[in-house]
Each structure stands twice: as C-alpha cells, then as structure tokens.
Protein backbone atom coordinates (compact mmCIF):
# COMPACT_ATOMS: atom_id res chain seq x y z
CA MET A 1 -124.53 289.66 -68.17
CA ILE A 2 -123.02 286.75 -70.08
CA LEU A 3 -123.47 288.64 -73.34
CA GLN A 4 -121.67 291.65 -71.88
CA ASP A 5 -118.80 289.42 -70.71
CA VAL A 6 -118.52 287.86 -74.16
CA LYS A 7 -118.56 291.27 -75.78
CA ALA A 8 -115.91 292.55 -73.36
CA PHE A 9 -113.72 289.50 -74.04
CA TYR A 10 -114.13 290.06 -77.78
CA ASN A 11 -113.21 293.75 -77.53
CA ASN A 12 -110.19 293.03 -75.33
CA ASN A 13 -108.75 290.20 -77.43
CA ILE A 14 -109.84 290.58 -81.06
CA GLY A 15 -106.63 292.47 -81.80
CA LEU A 16 -104.56 289.61 -80.39
CA PHE A 17 -106.49 287.11 -82.50
CA PHE A 18 -105.82 289.13 -85.66
CA ILE A 19 -102.09 289.25 -84.85
CA PHE A 20 -101.95 285.51 -84.07
CA ILE A 21 -103.53 284.59 -87.41
CA ALA A 22 -101.24 287.09 -89.14
CA GLN A 23 -98.19 285.28 -87.71
CA MET A 24 -99.44 282.01 -89.16
CA PHE A 25 -99.78 283.62 -92.58
CA ALA A 26 -96.31 285.19 -92.17
CA SER A 27 -94.74 281.77 -91.60
CA ILE A 28 -96.59 280.31 -94.59
CA MET A 29 -95.36 283.23 -96.68
CA ALA A 30 -91.77 282.61 -95.54
CA MET A 31 -92.11 278.94 -96.48
CA THR A 32 -93.45 279.63 -99.98
CA THR A 33 -90.83 282.32 -100.54
CA ARG A 34 -87.95 280.02 -99.59
CA LEU A 35 -89.38 277.25 -101.76
CA LEU A 36 -89.60 279.55 -104.77
CA GLU A 37 -86.11 280.97 -104.19
CA THR A 38 -84.32 277.66 -103.55
CA GLY A 39 -86.57 274.64 -104.09
CA PHE A 40 -86.69 274.41 -107.89
CA ASP A 41 -84.38 274.53 -110.91
CA THR A 42 -86.03 277.85 -111.76
CA LYS A 43 -84.99 280.30 -109.05
CA PHE A 44 -87.26 283.25 -108.36
CA HIS A 45 -85.58 286.43 -107.13
CA ALA A 46 -86.90 288.05 -103.97
CA LEU A 47 -87.96 291.14 -105.93
CA GLN A 48 -90.18 289.11 -108.26
CA ILE A 49 -91.85 287.43 -105.30
CA ILE A 50 -92.40 290.86 -103.72
CA PHE A 51 -93.86 292.14 -106.99
CA VAL A 52 -96.31 289.24 -107.29
CA ARG A 53 -97.37 289.43 -103.67
CA MET A 54 -97.77 293.20 -103.48
CA PHE A 55 -99.35 293.60 -106.92
CA ALA A 56 -102.09 291.19 -105.83
CA THR A 57 -102.41 293.01 -102.51
CA ALA A 58 -102.71 296.40 -104.23
CA VAL A 59 -105.32 295.16 -106.73
CA ILE A 60 -107.45 293.35 -104.14
CA GLY A 61 -107.16 296.19 -101.63
CA SER A 62 -107.95 298.94 -104.12
CA SER A 63 -110.91 297.04 -105.57
CA TYR A 64 -112.37 296.39 -102.14
CA MET A 65 -111.91 300.00 -100.96
CA TRP A 66 -113.48 301.34 -104.17
CA TYR A 67 -116.44 298.95 -103.86
CA LYS A 68 -116.99 299.67 -100.16
CA GLN A 69 -116.30 303.40 -100.50
CA ILE A 70 -113.72 303.28 -97.71
CA PRO A 71 -113.15 306.78 -96.27
CA GLY A 72 -109.89 308.32 -97.42
CA PHE A 73 -109.38 306.02 -100.42
CA PRO A 74 -106.97 306.14 -102.17
CA LEU A 75 -104.59 308.72 -100.61
CA GLY A 76 -105.88 308.94 -97.04
CA GLU A 77 -106.53 312.09 -95.05
CA ARG A 78 -104.26 314.99 -95.93
CA GLY A 79 -102.80 315.20 -92.42
CA VAL A 80 -101.37 311.64 -92.47
CA ARG A 81 -100.26 311.25 -96.08
CA GLY A 82 -96.65 311.95 -95.23
CA LEU A 83 -96.73 309.27 -92.54
CA LEU A 84 -98.37 306.85 -94.97
CA VAL A 85 -95.56 307.44 -97.48
CA ILE A 86 -92.99 306.70 -94.78
CA ARG A 87 -94.93 303.56 -93.85
CA GLY A 88 -94.92 302.44 -97.49
CA ILE A 89 -91.21 303.01 -98.06
CA ALA A 90 -90.14 301.51 -94.74
CA GLY A 91 -92.42 298.50 -95.13
CA SER A 92 -91.14 297.81 -98.66
CA SER A 93 -87.51 297.98 -97.51
CA GLY A 94 -88.22 295.69 -94.57
CA LEU A 95 -89.95 293.16 -96.81
CA PHE A 96 -87.01 293.02 -99.21
CA GLY A 97 -84.56 292.47 -96.35
CA LEU A 98 -86.59 289.52 -95.08
CA TYR A 99 -87.26 287.94 -98.48
CA TYR A 100 -83.66 288.23 -99.64
CA SER A 101 -82.38 286.67 -96.43
CA LEU A 102 -84.65 283.65 -97.00
CA SER A 103 -82.50 282.76 -100.03
CA TYR A 104 -79.70 281.73 -97.67
CA LEU A 105 -81.16 281.42 -94.15
CA ASP A 106 -83.50 278.88 -92.64
CA ILE A 107 -86.98 280.19 -91.90
CA SER A 108 -86.39 280.08 -88.14
CA ASP A 109 -83.12 282.05 -88.41
CA ALA A 110 -84.65 284.69 -90.68
CA THR A 111 -87.73 284.88 -88.46
CA VAL A 112 -85.89 285.33 -85.18
CA ILE A 113 -83.83 288.21 -86.58
CA THR A 114 -87.09 290.08 -87.10
CA PHE A 115 -87.50 289.94 -83.31
CA LEU A 116 -84.91 292.71 -83.17
CA VAL A 117 -87.83 294.97 -84.04
CA PRO A 118 -88.86 295.87 -80.44
CA THR A 119 -85.33 297.02 -79.58
CA LEU A 120 -84.92 298.81 -82.89
CA THR A 121 -88.35 300.40 -82.46
CA ALA A 122 -87.26 301.84 -79.12
CA PHE A 123 -84.20 303.28 -80.86
CA VAL A 124 -86.28 304.71 -83.73
CA CYS A 125 -88.67 306.32 -81.25
CA TRP A 126 -85.72 307.81 -79.37
CA VAL A 127 -84.37 309.38 -82.56
CA ALA A 128 -87.61 310.43 -84.23
CA LEU A 129 -90.14 310.87 -81.44
CA ARG A 130 -87.96 312.00 -78.52
CA GLU A 131 -88.84 308.88 -76.55
CA PRO A 132 -86.40 307.83 -73.78
CA PHE A 133 -83.86 305.18 -74.78
CA THR A 134 -82.46 303.84 -71.53
CA ILE A 135 -79.21 302.08 -70.75
CA LYS A 136 -81.21 298.92 -70.12
CA GLU A 137 -82.71 299.09 -73.60
CA ALA A 138 -79.29 299.72 -75.11
CA SER A 139 -77.95 296.72 -73.18
CA ALA A 140 -80.82 294.61 -74.50
CA GLY A 141 -79.88 295.70 -78.01
CA PHE A 142 -76.29 294.60 -77.45
CA VAL A 143 -77.44 291.20 -76.19
CA ALA A 144 -79.75 290.84 -79.18
CA PHE A 145 -76.97 291.54 -81.65
CA LEU A 146 -74.81 288.94 -79.90
CA GLY A 147 -77.64 286.57 -80.65
CA VAL A 148 -77.49 287.62 -84.31
CA LEU A 149 -73.80 286.64 -84.40
CA PHE A 150 -74.66 283.15 -83.19
CA ILE A 151 -77.23 282.87 -85.99
CA ALA A 152 -74.97 284.33 -88.68
CA ARG A 153 -72.02 282.16 -87.60
CA PRO A 154 -69.33 284.11 -89.52
CA ALA A 155 -66.30 282.00 -90.41
CA PHE A 156 -63.84 284.05 -88.36
CA LEU A 157 -65.85 283.34 -85.20
CA PHE A 158 -67.25 279.89 -86.00
CA PRO A 159 -64.65 278.04 -88.09
CA ILE A 160 -66.36 274.68 -87.58
CA PRO A 161 -67.02 272.97 -90.94
CA ASP A 162 -70.60 272.22 -91.83
CA HIS A 163 -71.09 268.74 -93.24
CA ASN A 164 -74.79 269.09 -93.91
CA GLY A 165 -74.08 270.58 -97.32
CA GLN A 166 -72.66 267.24 -98.50
CA LEU A 167 -75.92 265.59 -97.47
CA SER A 168 -77.96 268.12 -99.44
CA GLN A 169 -75.83 267.62 -102.53
CA ALA A 170 -76.12 263.83 -102.19
CA LEU A 171 -79.91 263.97 -101.94
CA GLY A 172 -80.43 266.54 -104.72
CA MET A 173 -83.62 267.55 -106.46
CA HIS A 174 -85.15 265.47 -109.20
CA HIS A 175 -85.65 267.87 -112.12
CA GLY A 176 -86.82 270.58 -109.76
CA ARG A 177 -89.80 268.56 -108.53
CA LEU A 178 -90.80 268.10 -104.94
CA HIS A 179 -90.36 264.60 -103.59
CA ILE A 180 -91.38 263.26 -100.18
CA ASP A 181 -88.95 261.67 -97.74
CA LEU A 182 -90.76 260.85 -94.52
CA GLU A 183 -87.53 260.78 -92.52
CA ARG A 184 -85.96 263.97 -93.86
CA GLY A 185 -88.96 266.08 -94.78
CA ILE A 186 -90.67 266.86 -98.07
CA ILE A 187 -87.55 268.28 -99.76
CA PRO A 188 -83.85 268.26 -98.85
CA PRO A 189 -82.41 271.24 -96.98
CA VAL A 190 -80.52 274.00 -98.79
CA GLU A 191 -77.16 275.06 -97.37
CA ALA A 192 -75.34 278.40 -97.62
CA ASP A 193 -71.66 279.19 -97.11
CA PRO A 194 -70.54 281.60 -94.33
CA THR A 195 -70.25 284.57 -96.71
CA GLU A 196 -73.77 284.08 -98.05
CA ARG A 197 -75.12 283.71 -94.52
CA SER A 198 -73.39 286.90 -93.38
CA ILE A 199 -74.79 288.91 -96.29
CA ALA A 200 -78.26 287.48 -95.68
CA VAL A 201 -78.08 288.32 -91.98
CA ALA A 202 -77.00 291.90 -92.79
CA CYS A 203 -80.01 292.25 -95.11
CA ALA A 204 -82.29 290.81 -92.44
CA ILE A 205 -80.98 293.32 -89.87
CA LEU A 206 -81.51 296.25 -92.23
CA GLY A 207 -84.96 294.89 -93.02
CA SER A 208 -85.76 294.68 -89.32
CA PHE A 209 -84.73 298.30 -88.86
CA ALA A 210 -87.01 299.31 -91.72
CA ALA A 211 -89.83 297.21 -90.26
CA ALA A 212 -89.35 298.90 -86.88
CA SER A 213 -89.80 302.25 -88.61
CA ALA A 214 -92.94 300.97 -90.32
CA TYR A 215 -94.41 299.61 -87.08
CA ALA A 216 -93.71 302.86 -85.25
CA THR A 217 -95.36 304.79 -88.08
CA ILE A 218 -98.44 302.55 -88.01
CA ARG A 219 -98.81 303.21 -84.30
CA VAL A 220 -98.39 306.96 -84.81
CA ILE A 221 -101.04 306.92 -87.56
CA GLY A 222 -103.42 305.00 -85.30
CA LYS A 223 -107.01 305.10 -86.51
CA ARG A 224 -106.60 308.33 -88.46
CA ALA A 225 -106.28 306.21 -91.61
CA HIS A 226 -108.17 303.05 -92.46
CA SER A 227 -106.00 299.94 -92.21
CA LEU A 228 -106.57 299.13 -95.89
CA VAL A 229 -105.35 302.58 -96.92
CA SER A 230 -102.17 301.95 -94.94
CA VAL A 231 -101.75 298.52 -96.52
CA ASN A 232 -102.36 299.98 -99.97
CA TYR A 233 -99.52 302.49 -99.57
CA PHE A 234 -97.22 299.64 -98.58
CA ALA A 235 -98.34 297.45 -101.50
CA THR A 236 -98.12 300.25 -104.07
CA PHE A 237 -94.61 301.34 -103.10
CA ALA A 238 -93.39 297.72 -103.01
CA THR A 239 -94.97 296.87 -106.36
CA ILE A 240 -93.61 299.89 -108.21
CA GLY A 241 -90.20 299.70 -106.57
CA SER A 242 -89.65 295.98 -107.26
CA PHE A 243 -90.87 296.31 -110.86
CA LEU A 244 -88.55 299.23 -111.63
CA ILE A 245 -85.50 297.54 -110.10
CA ILE A 246 -86.10 294.32 -112.07
CA MET A 247 -86.57 296.23 -115.31
CA ILE A 248 -83.52 298.47 -114.79
CA HIS A 249 -81.03 296.00 -113.30
CA PRO A 250 -79.18 294.16 -116.12
CA ASP A 251 -78.87 290.87 -114.22
CA LEU A 252 -82.53 290.62 -113.15
CA HIS A 253 -85.56 289.51 -115.13
CA PHE A 254 -88.98 287.99 -114.53
CA GLU A 255 -89.07 284.19 -114.37
CA ILE A 256 -92.04 282.22 -115.74
CA PRO A 257 -93.26 279.34 -113.52
CA GLN A 258 -92.52 275.98 -115.11
CA THR A 259 -94.73 273.69 -113.02
CA MET A 260 -98.21 273.75 -111.54
CA ILE A 261 -96.68 273.77 -108.04
CA GLN A 262 -94.82 276.99 -108.82
CA TRP A 263 -98.00 278.61 -110.13
CA ILE A 264 -99.87 277.57 -106.98
CA LEU A 265 -97.12 278.90 -104.71
CA LEU A 266 -97.00 282.24 -106.54
CA GLY A 267 -100.78 282.55 -106.42
CA SER A 268 -100.93 281.74 -102.73
CA ILE A 269 -98.36 284.44 -102.03
CA GLY A 270 -100.63 287.13 -103.43
CA ILE A 271 -103.71 286.09 -101.44
CA SER A 272 -101.88 285.25 -98.21
CA GLY A 273 -99.89 288.47 -98.38
CA PHE A 274 -103.05 290.55 -98.56
CA LEU A 275 -104.62 288.76 -95.59
CA LEU A 276 -101.38 289.03 -93.62
CA GLN A 277 -101.11 292.79 -94.02
CA VAL A 278 -104.78 293.45 -93.25
CA LEU A 279 -104.76 291.28 -90.13
CA LEU A 280 -101.45 292.65 -88.84
CA THR A 281 -102.42 296.27 -89.40
CA GLU A 282 -105.86 295.78 -87.81
CA GLY A 283 -104.26 294.02 -84.85
CA LEU A 284 -101.62 296.68 -84.28
CA GLN A 285 -104.21 299.43 -84.43
CA ARG A 286 -106.58 297.69 -81.99
CA GLU A 287 -104.15 296.13 -79.51
CA LYS A 288 -101.73 297.56 -76.96
CA ALA A 289 -98.17 297.38 -78.23
CA GLY A 290 -96.80 295.23 -75.40
CA ARG A 291 -99.30 292.39 -75.81
CA ALA A 292 -99.11 292.66 -79.61
CA THR A 293 -95.33 292.47 -79.65
CA ASN A 294 -95.22 289.46 -77.32
CA LEU A 295 -97.71 287.52 -79.45
CA ILE A 296 -95.59 288.09 -82.55
CA TYR A 297 -93.08 285.62 -81.06
CA THR A 298 -95.49 282.77 -81.86
CA GLN A 299 -94.21 283.04 -85.43
CA MET A 300 -91.05 281.27 -84.23
CA VAL A 301 -93.14 278.23 -83.26
CA PHE A 302 -94.77 278.13 -86.70
CA ALA A 303 -91.33 278.47 -88.34
CA LEU A 304 -89.85 275.54 -86.41
CA ILE A 305 -92.82 273.31 -87.25
CA ILE A 306 -92.66 274.21 -90.95
CA GLU A 307 -88.90 273.61 -91.11
CA ARG A 308 -89.25 270.18 -89.57
CA VAL A 309 -92.14 269.12 -91.80
CA VAL A 310 -90.96 270.60 -95.11
CA TRP A 311 -87.16 270.37 -94.90
CA GLY A 312 -86.80 267.83 -92.09
CA THR A 313 -84.30 270.06 -90.28
CA THR A 314 -83.82 271.32 -86.75
CA PRO A 315 -81.73 274.47 -86.13
CA PRO A 316 -78.23 273.88 -84.68
CA LEU A 317 -77.41 274.69 -81.07
CA THR A 318 -75.87 278.05 -81.99
CA SER A 319 -79.13 279.14 -83.63
CA PHE A 320 -81.12 278.13 -80.55
CA LEU A 321 -78.69 280.10 -78.37
CA GLY A 322 -78.91 283.14 -80.64
CA SER A 323 -82.71 282.89 -80.71
CA THR A 324 -82.82 282.77 -76.91
CA LEU A 325 -80.68 285.91 -76.65
CA ILE A 326 -82.75 287.83 -79.21
CA ILE A 327 -86.17 286.84 -77.86
CA GLY A 328 -85.02 287.40 -74.29
CA ALA A 329 -83.78 290.88 -75.16
CA ALA A 330 -87.02 291.68 -76.99
CA VAL A 331 -89.17 290.56 -74.06
CA TRP A 332 -86.98 292.56 -71.67
CA VAL A 333 -87.43 295.69 -73.78
CA SER A 334 -91.21 295.19 -73.74
CA MET A 335 -91.20 294.77 -69.96
CA GLN A 336 -89.07 297.88 -69.48
CA LYS A 337 -91.41 299.93 -71.65
CA LYS A 338 -94.37 298.68 -69.63
CA SER A 339 -92.76 299.56 -66.30
CA VAL A 340 -92.03 303.15 -67.28
CA SER A 341 -95.18 303.93 -69.24
CA VAL A 342 -97.14 305.01 -66.18
CA GLN A 343 -94.44 307.53 -65.28
CA ARG A 344 -94.10 308.86 -68.79
CA LYS A 345 -95.65 312.15 -69.81
CA PRO A 346 -98.30 311.46 -72.47
CA LEU A 347 -97.33 312.47 -75.99
CA PRO A 348 -99.58 314.04 -78.59
CA ASP A 349 -101.40 311.48 -80.73
CA ASP A 350 -99.15 312.10 -83.72
CA GLU A 351 -96.03 311.31 -81.70
CA ARG A 352 -97.14 308.07 -80.05
CA PRO A 353 -94.76 305.20 -80.86
CA LEU A 354 -95.28 301.47 -81.23
CA LEU A 355 -94.29 300.49 -77.71
CA ASP A 356 -96.25 303.22 -75.96
CA SER A 357 -99.75 303.02 -74.43
CA GLU A 358 -98.88 300.20 -72.06
CA ASP A 359 -100.97 301.73 -69.29
CA GLU A 360 -104.23 301.58 -71.22
CA GLY A 361 -106.20 298.79 -69.51
CA ASN A 362 -105.53 295.05 -69.64
C-alpha cells in the first residue's frame, strides 16, 4: 500500500520536479550569460553564447541518442517533423531575445518578461489552433504589458534620473577580474540607459512570443517524439543560425576567453543548457500545463537571490510593480484556462495547445 502511494506520488509529481530543477538551471544560465556579456573587459555577444551552449547541447544529445538508439533519431517520426522544425526555429528565436536582453536588463527584469508566455500562448493557440481567446485573457494581456512598461521605464514615461550608474562607474572592474565586496555583492552592477533598456525589453517581448510558440508546439507534439529529439532540433537550429549570423555580419566575430573564469563560465553554459532543455521538455510532456506554468514562476525567486548575491542589487519599486502585474496576469490566464477546460470540446491530439488538458486529474 505504501509502495503504491509512493509510486502514485512519483507519477503525479515527477514532471513538476523536472520543471523546478529546470528553473534553477535557467537562472544559473541567465547569470553566466550576463556575466559573460557585461562582467569582463572582453564582451561576449549573445549569439556566441548561444552557439557555445547549443553546440554542446547538440553534440551531447546526438551522441547519447546514437548510443542509446533512441527511436526516431535524428529526424523524428515523419508525421511530426514539421512541428519539430517549428519548435526549433521558435525556440532559437526565443533564446536570442532573452540572451540579448540580458546585456542591458537585470536578471529579474529579463526573467519576469518571460512570464508573458502564458498570455502569449493563449493568443498563439487562438490564431493557430482555433482555441478561444476570451476578453478576460485579452484584458490580462493588457495588464501584463502595462507591467512591461514599468520594467522598461522608457524616458518619456519615467523621466527620473538614475544615479546608480555613477556608483557603478566609481566602483569599476579591476582589469576585467571578479572581485568580492561583501556589502555590494561579488561584482558591481551594470547600468543601461533608457534607450538600451527599451530595445532590450522589445527583444525580450519578441523572444517571449517565440517561446510561447515553442511551448505550444511542444505540447502539440506530446509524446509522439522523444524529448531529446525535440531538444536536438532546437539545438541544431540555434547552433547553425548563430554561427551563420556571426560569420556573415561584419561587426560580429568570435571572442576568445582571456581568463580561466571565462572558460569555466562558457563550459558550464554548454552542460547546464543541455540539462535545462532535457528537464524542461520532459516536464512539459509529463505534467499538466496549468501546474507546469505556475511552477515556472519559481525562476523569479532564483533570479532575485542571484542578483542579490552576485551584483548586490535589489530591483527598484517600479520593477516590483511591473513584476506583480505580469505574474498576476499570467496566473489569472492559467486560472481562466482551468475553469473553462471542462466545458471545452476536446481537440485532436495534434491540435492540443500548451494550456489545455487542465481537466486531466490532479
């Protein structure tokens, strides 16, 4: 009896556990990305970080699938290849939006913008899968984008000068090396002007829209493709795309790490990125969308802890207000989807979106 209860608890919650650990890896990835983009004299472009991370993911994933003879490797079943391509392109675009925004936004600000995904997913499902998109969901989207304005703080709406930049310049970096200040964090904070913040927020929003498309596609694919096959499409498209853009764009080139810390950070990105994608994909495929989406918000807690420890900063009041609006809207969307799922006519398996299936057992 006890063994059956343990097994039932495991089956009901293993997906949540995978997603929780994935959020921890996501926050660590955001930290290492921001450090590489802003924390040293040698600045690494978001595309190079994507290339390193996804090249490692593609190599590790392909090697493991070849060794284990994973069904469908490398292209997946014929019936879902088109969906896998969409998942790869959308995931790559979403990753670039997030990584580029980390050049100018704090981790918590960049993270909370990704919480637009539930609302954007509802919109994507309305357009692509004929799912209802209610007035309440549209209202939640409007509230969420108000929250984005509080995070972006454009100059024409928030003309209050920011004096923290003077502090950052006064502290400085010592030859690009990390130094520890127990009162202010491990390294000084990096500031961005209103224009840079606005561009970064726009990229983060576009990235969230792409991520919503990827999440919806993962849910539609379901278990018709192994999670590693799905991850491999994502990694392959991101690796090839980032490499080609760096090679073609005249102002971009690959940077060589100058210190052991930079080598360690780049190496950790590859390994952590692989584990993140596997855990997230496994969790989304195993867990109901409502519970999975709500647990993703724990990433905000990790982000706030990392910011305080590494940079010694706490988000301003406007960011907290914007975060409250965005998270509140996202939770409201999830609750609305749950309340109507019982009344909704079931869709074919290949049209089932991310936020569906709320009526399938708790």
